[in-house]
């Protein structure tokens, strides 16, 4: 039995929806995700509150290590443990690379 026009159209629709979703999930933009950090850590990771550490100027590895520690609970925090659990390792690395790209001078 051959699929009718509706079957072919629906299949085409699914392909058109699925392919962009796959492409988007493979392209993680640290700058976009990092916008969620600005409320506490300041724009571009340049925190002005002495109680909240600046993210700008830290190395990628430092930031990844810290976020993973928050995520697995080995580092205690007030809110960061809950925030870190929302990100997978690829997203954490993208965020870390973004903040590491800014000089530390901007955060002091």
Protein backbone atom coordinates (compact mmCIF):
# COMPACT_ATOMS: atom_id res chain seq x y z
CA UNK A 1 0.00 0.00 0.00
CA UNK A 2 1.38 3.38 -1.01
CA UNK A 3 1.16 6.28 1.40
CA UNK A 4 -1.25 8.93 0.28
CA UNK A 5 -0.49 12.65 0.02
CA UNK A 6 -1.31 13.17 3.70
CA UNK A 7 1.16 10.47 4.78
CA UNK A 8 3.97 11.91 2.66
CA UNK A 9 3.20 15.45 3.81
CA UNK A 10 3.20 14.42 7.46
CA UNK A 11 6.53 12.60 7.03
CA UNK A 12 8.04 15.65 5.36
CA UNK A 13 6.74 17.83 8.17
CA UNK A 14 8.37 15.57 10.80
CA UNK A 15 11.71 15.68 9.00
CA UNK A 16 11.57 19.47 8.72
CA UNK A 17 10.86 19.78 12.44
CA UNK A 18 13.35 17.16 13.63
CA UNK A 19 16.43 18.23 11.68
CA UNK A 20 16.57 21.81 13.03
CA UNK A 21 16.03 20.47 16.56
CA UNK A 22 18.99 18.14 16.17
CA UNK A 23 21.15 20.96 14.78
CA UNK A 24 20.16 23.30 17.62
CA UNK A 25 20.94 20.72 20.30
CA UNK A 26 24.40 20.18 18.81
CA UNK A 27 25.21 23.90 18.81
CA UNK A 28 25.40 25.15 22.38
CA UNK A 29 25.99 28.86 22.79
CA UNK A 30 27.66 29.68 26.11
CA UNK A 31 26.79 33.36 25.81
CA UNK A 32 23.08 32.60 25.58
CA UNK A 33 23.11 30.19 28.51
CA UNK A 34 25.33 32.53 30.55
CA UNK A 35 22.64 35.23 30.46
CA UNK A 36 21.00 33.37 33.33
CA UNK A 37 24.11 34.01 35.48
CA UNK A 38 24.07 37.79 35.06
CA UNK A 39 21.39 38.40 37.67
CA UNK A 40 23.77 37.41 40.47
CA UNK A 41 27.25 37.34 38.92
CA UNK A 42 26.89 40.51 36.87
CA UNK A 43 27.04 41.24 33.17
CA UNK A 44 29.93 39.35 31.56
CA UNK A 45 30.61 37.71 34.94
CA UNK A 46 31.80 40.99 36.47
CA UNK A 47 30.13 40.76 39.88
CA UNK A 48 29.97 43.96 41.91
CA UNK A 49 28.70 42.22 45.06
CA UNK A 50 31.63 41.11 47.21
CA UNK A 51 29.59 38.14 48.48
CA UNK A 52 29.14 36.75 44.97
CA UNK A 53 32.34 35.79 43.17
CA UNK A 54 33.06 37.19 39.72
CA UNK A 55 33.19 34.61 36.95
CA UNK A 56 35.16 36.69 34.44
CA UNK A 57 38.83 35.84 34.32
CA UNK A 58 38.57 32.41 35.87
CA UNK A 59 39.91 29.60 33.74
CA UNK A 60 37.59 27.25 31.92
CA UNK A 61 38.83 24.35 34.02
CA UNK A 62 38.24 26.23 37.30
CA UNK A 63 34.70 27.11 36.33
CA UNK A 64 33.89 23.61 35.06
CA UNK A 65 35.32 22.02 38.19
CA UNK A 66 33.36 24.37 40.45
CA UNK A 67 30.07 23.84 38.59
CA UNK A 68 30.49 20.05 38.59
CA UNK A 69 31.22 20.13 42.33
CA UNK A 70 28.06 22.16 42.92
CA UNK A 71 26.12 19.79 40.70
CA UNK A 72 27.25 16.59 42.45
CA UNK A 73 26.91 18.16 45.91
CA UNK A 74 30.59 17.95 46.89
CA UNK A 75 30.66 21.76 47.11
CA UNK A 76 28.03 23.40 49.26
CA UNK A 77 26.20 26.54 48.24
CA UNK A 78 23.02 28.43 48.88
CA UNK A 79 21.52 28.28 45.40
CA UNK A 80 24.31 27.09 43.09
CA UNK A 81 23.73 23.40 43.84
CA UNK A 82 20.22 23.69 42.42
CA UNK A 83 21.32 25.88 39.52
CA UNK A 84 24.18 23.57 38.51
CA UNK A 85 21.91 20.51 38.35
CA UNK A 86 20.01 22.17 35.50
CA UNK A 87 23.01 21.95 33.12
CA UNK A 88 24.72 19.02 31.45
CA UNK A 89 28.52 18.89 31.14
CA UNK A 90 28.53 20.29 27.60
CA UNK A 91 26.47 23.28 28.69
CA UNK A 92 28.67 23.82 31.74
CA UNK A 93 31.77 23.82 29.54
CA UNK A 94 30.15 26.31 27.13
CA UNK A 95 29.30 28.65 30.02
CA UNK A 96 32.82 28.29 31.44
CA UNK A 97 34.47 29.03 28.10
CA UNK A 98 32.31 32.12 27.73
CA UNK A 99 33.25 33.60 31.13
CA UNK A 100 36.90 32.58 30.78
CA UNK A 101 37.07 34.69 27.62
CA UNK A 102 36.73 37.90 29.64
CA UNK A 103 39.69 39.46 31.44
CA UNK A 104 39.70 39.43 35.21
CA UNK A 105 40.18 43.22 35.28
CA UNK A 106 36.55 43.67 34.20
CA UNK A 107 35.39 41.92 37.34
CA UNK A 108 37.27 43.99 39.90
